[in-house]
Protein backbone atom coordinates (compact mmCIF):
# COMPACT_ATOMS: atom_id res chain seq x y z
CA MET A 1 0.07 -0.35 -0.06
CA LEU A 2 1.11 3.44 -1.21
CA VAL A 3 0.58 4.96 2.68
CA GLN A 4 2.58 2.50 3.63
CA ALA A 5 5.49 3.45 1.74
CA VAL A 6 5.69 7.25 2.23
CA THR A 7 7.61 9.08 4.81
CA ARG A 8 7.11 13.04 5.51
CA ARG A 9 10.19 15.05 5.18
CA SER A 10 10.28 19.15 6.24
CA VAL A 11 13.00 20.98 4.33
CA PRO A 12 14.09 24.51 5.63
CA ARG A 13 14.46 27.09 2.70
CA GLY A 14 17.35 26.78 0.67
CA ALA A 15 18.18 22.46 1.47
CA MET A 16 19.38 20.60 -1.33
CA LEU A 17 16.95 17.70 -1.81
CA MET A 18 19.26 15.87 -4.63
CA GLY A 19 22.21 16.81 -6.57
CA GLU A 20 23.13 16.58 -10.28
CA GLY A 21 24.63 13.55 -10.81
CA ASP A 22 23.73 12.00 -7.39
CA ALA A 23 22.87 8.43 -6.85
CA THR A 24 18.89 8.00 -7.32
CA ASP A 25 17.24 6.54 -4.32
CA SER A 26 13.60 8.46 -3.71
CA LEU A 27 11.24 10.44 -5.38
CA TYR A 28 9.55 12.90 -3.60
CA ILE A 29 6.06 14.63 -3.86
CA VAL A 30 5.53 18.52 -2.59
CA ILE A 31 2.78 18.85 -0.27
CA SER A 32 3.74 22.74 0.68
CA GLY A 33 6.05 25.01 -0.28
CA ARG A 34 8.34 25.17 -3.83
CA LEU A 35 10.98 23.47 -5.10
CA LYS A 36 13.26 24.80 -7.65
CA VAL A 37 14.97 22.38 -10.20
CA MET A 38 18.16 23.16 -11.91
CA MET A 39 21.65 22.29 -13.90
CA GLY A 40 24.78 24.12 -13.60
CA ASP A 41 27.90 24.18 -15.07
CA ALA A 42 31.64 24.49 -13.11
CA ASP A 43 31.74 28.26 -13.74
CA GLY A 44 28.88 28.67 -11.72
CA LYS A 45 26.19 29.50 -14.71
CA GLU A 46 22.91 28.23 -13.67
CA VAL A 47 19.55 27.38 -15.72
CA ILE A 48 16.58 26.88 -13.99
CA LEU A 49 14.59 23.85 -15.54
CA ALA A 50 11.21 24.18 -13.42
CA LEU A 51 9.73 25.64 -10.56
CA LEU A 52 7.31 22.97 -8.42
CA GLY A 53 4.55 23.49 -5.88
CA PRO A 54 2.04 21.41 -4.45
CA GLY A 55 0.92 17.90 -6.02
CA GLU A 56 3.95 18.19 -8.30
CA ILE A 57 6.77 15.00 -8.15
CA VAL A 58 10.23 15.26 -8.56
CA GLY A 59 13.02 12.66 -8.92
CA GLU A 60 11.04 9.80 -10.37
CA MET A 61 13.11 9.85 -13.78
CA GLY A 62 16.01 8.52 -12.28
CA LEU A 63 14.03 5.54 -10.58
CA ILE A 64 12.28 4.77 -13.38
CA ASP A 65 15.54 4.38 -16.08
CA ASP A 66 17.71 4.20 -13.05
CA SER A 67 20.27 6.63 -14.10
CA PRO A 68 21.73 9.46 -11.79
CA ARG A 69 20.17 12.70 -10.60
CA SER A 70 19.89 14.86 -13.83
CA ALA A 71 19.40 18.05 -12.04
CA THR A 72 19.71 19.42 -8.92
CA VAL A 73 16.75 20.29 -6.94
CA ILE A 74 16.63 23.09 -3.78
CA SER A 75 13.68 23.83 -1.77
CA ILE A 76 13.06 28.03 -2.34
CA GLU A 77 10.64 28.18 0.73
CA PRO A 78 10.43 26.17 3.77
CA SER A 79 8.85 22.66 2.39
CA GLU A 80 6.61 19.81 3.05
CA LEU A 81 7.41 16.39 1.24
CA LEU A 82 6.46 12.86 0.73
CA ALA A 83 9.65 10.55 0.13
CA ILE A 84 9.03 7.44 -1.69
CA SER A 85 12.14 5.21 -1.45
CA LYS A 86 13.02 3.34 -4.90
CA ARG A 87 11.98 -0.04 -4.04
CA GLU A 88 8.31 0.95 -2.94
CA PHE A 89 8.15 3.02 -5.99
CA HIS A 90 9.07 0.02 -8.26
CA LYS A 91 6.31 -2.29 -6.11
CA CYS A 92 3.88 0.49 -6.29
CA LEU A 93 4.09 0.58 -9.69
CA ALA A 94 3.80 -3.09 -10.03
CA GLU A 95 0.80 -3.40 -8.38
CA ASN A 96 -1.21 -0.17 -9.63
CA PHE A 97 -1.89 0.80 -13.21
CA ASP A 98 -3.41 3.82 -12.06
CA MET A 99 -0.18 5.19 -10.74
CA VAL A 100 1.72 4.20 -13.96
CA MET A 101 -0.68 6.05 -15.74
CA GLY A 102 -0.26 8.95 -13.21
CA VAL A 103 3.84 8.80 -13.59
CA MET A 104 3.48 8.50 -17.32
CA LYS A 105 0.96 11.67 -17.80
CA GLY A 106 3.55 13.47 -15.66
CA LEU A 107 6.62 12.83 -17.32
CA VAL A 108 4.83 13.47 -20.98
CA ARG A 109 3.52 17.16 -19.32
CA ARG A 110 7.01 17.57 -18.74
CA LEU A 111 8.58 16.21 -22.23
CA ARG A 112 5.94 18.75 -23.63
CA GLU A 113 6.83 21.95 -21.41
CA ALA A 114 10.45 20.81 -22.65
CA ASP A 115 9.55 20.77 -25.96
CA ARG A 116 7.98 24.25 -25.41
CA LYS A 117 10.76 25.63 -23.76
CA ILE A 118 13.28 24.19 -26.72
CA GLY A 119 10.88 26.17 -29.16
CA SER A 120 10.99 29.37 -27.56
CA LEU A 121 14.60 29.44 -26.96
CA ALA A 122 15.01 28.85 -30.86
CA LEU A 123 12.33 30.95 -32.00
CA LEU A 124 11.32 33.56 -29.78
CA ASP A 125 13.66 36.88 -28.99
CA VAL A 126 13.42 37.86 -25.17
CA TYR A 127 10.60 39.68 -25.16
CA GLY A 128 8.71 36.47 -26.58
CA ARG A 129 10.38 34.27 -24.17
CA VAL A 130 9.39 36.46 -21.61
CA ALA A 131 5.86 36.60 -22.43
CA ARG A 132 5.46 32.82 -22.92
CA LEU A 133 7.51 32.18 -19.78
CA LEU A 134 4.57 34.70 -17.85
CA ILE A 135 1.43 33.02 -19.94
CA ASP A 136 2.92 29.37 -18.84
CA MET A 137 3.08 30.08 -15.29
CA ALA A 138 -0.02 32.31 -15.20
CA GLU A 139 -3.03 30.51 -13.50
CA ASN A 140 -6.92 31.69 -13.76
CA VAL A 141 -8.28 33.67 -10.98
CA ASN A 142 -11.38 35.00 -11.23
CA GLY A 143 -11.34 35.00 -14.89
CA GLN A 144 -8.22 37.10 -14.70
CA ARG A 145 -4.49 35.40 -16.10
CA ILE A 146 -2.26 36.17 -13.10
CA VAL A 147 1.09 34.92 -11.78
CA THR A 148 0.49 34.26 -8.56
CA LYS A 149 4.01 32.57 -7.38
CA ARG A 150 6.51 34.90 -6.36
CA LEU A 151 9.15 34.85 -9.45
CA PRO A 152 12.39 37.16 -9.34
CA LYS A 153 13.94 38.13 -12.15
CA GLN A 154 16.89 36.44 -11.63
CA ASP A 155 14.76 33.40 -11.77
CA ILE A 156 12.84 34.34 -14.75
CA ALA A 157 16.67 34.97 -16.48
CA LYS A 158 17.69 31.86 -15.60
CA MET A 159 14.59 29.87 -16.94
CA ILE A 160 14.81 31.64 -20.75
CA GLY A 161 18.56 32.30 -20.85
CA ALA A 162 18.83 35.74 -20.73
CA SER A 163 20.68 38.25 -18.29
CA ARG A 164 18.88 39.63 -15.17
CA GLU A 165 19.06 43.15 -16.71
CA MET A 166 17.50 42.60 -19.89
CA VAL A 167 14.72 40.72 -18.17
CA SER A 168 14.22 43.91 -16.35
CA ARG A 169 14.23 46.05 -19.22
CA VAL A 170 11.74 43.88 -20.92
CA MET A 171 9.19 43.55 -17.70
CA LYS A 172 9.31 47.36 -17.44
CA ASP A 173 8.24 47.67 -20.95
CA LEU A 174 5.84 45.40 -20.72
CA GLN A 175 4.43 47.25 -18.04
CA LEU A 176 4.64 50.71 -19.88
CA GLY A 177 2.78 48.78 -23.06
CA GLY A 178 0.28 47.77 -21.00
CA TYR A 179 0.61 43.99 -21.44
CA ILE A 180 1.32 42.92 -17.56
CA GLU A 181 0.67 44.86 -14.69
CA GLN A 182 2.64 44.28 -11.40
CA ARG A 183 0.61 43.96 -8.16
CA GLY A 184 2.98 43.46 -5.33
CA SER A 185 4.39 39.90 -5.79
CA THR A 186 1.65 38.91 -8.55
CA ILE A 187 1.66 39.77 -12.02
CA LEU A 188 -1.58 40.31 -13.99
CA LEU A 189 -1.48 39.39 -17.93
CA ARG A 190 -3.50 41.73 -19.83
CA ASP A 191 -5.09 40.31 -22.88
CA LYS A 192 -3.00 42.00 -25.30
CA ILE A 193 0.18 39.65 -24.22
CA LEU A 194 -1.41 36.62 -25.21
CA LEU A 195 0.49 34.80 -27.97
CA PRO A 196 -1.11 33.14 -30.79
CA GLU A 197 -0.75 29.25 -30.32
């Protein structure tokens, strides 16, 4: 039974859950808080692959193909997680087709997100990449598209492959042009920012 296979884990802000290249021993389900998934190089340059929140899973890829961790995962705020060991994960998959489908759907969603990100990097300028990221991160709140998660400009830059200065300039231009409205830590997207699919 899955309930018996999980361990609850509390981590403070800034805790490293896994490092790129580490052996894969478990996966995590986010109960509360937020995690940053990133890759870096020897010069300290990094790219943010994803920001994860409640209900999302991290660490399952290495459990499926028995490979080392492909990215580093750090908590960006205090977080509550459920950990499932490799052994228990394999056992649950063997016994539960619904879980297999859930994991597959999550992996397909991430693959589609990666495809979109590659397309954005190859085909859009920085304005387009910032707009695409904001659109992808926005949630429908009372009929309005709002980015509710705090999104520092440095993180945006690391997610779209641009400098922080360029992102600041683009965000200012988008605000002056009436495409977005900054409301404290949230960003309201105006209708005219929506890009054709």
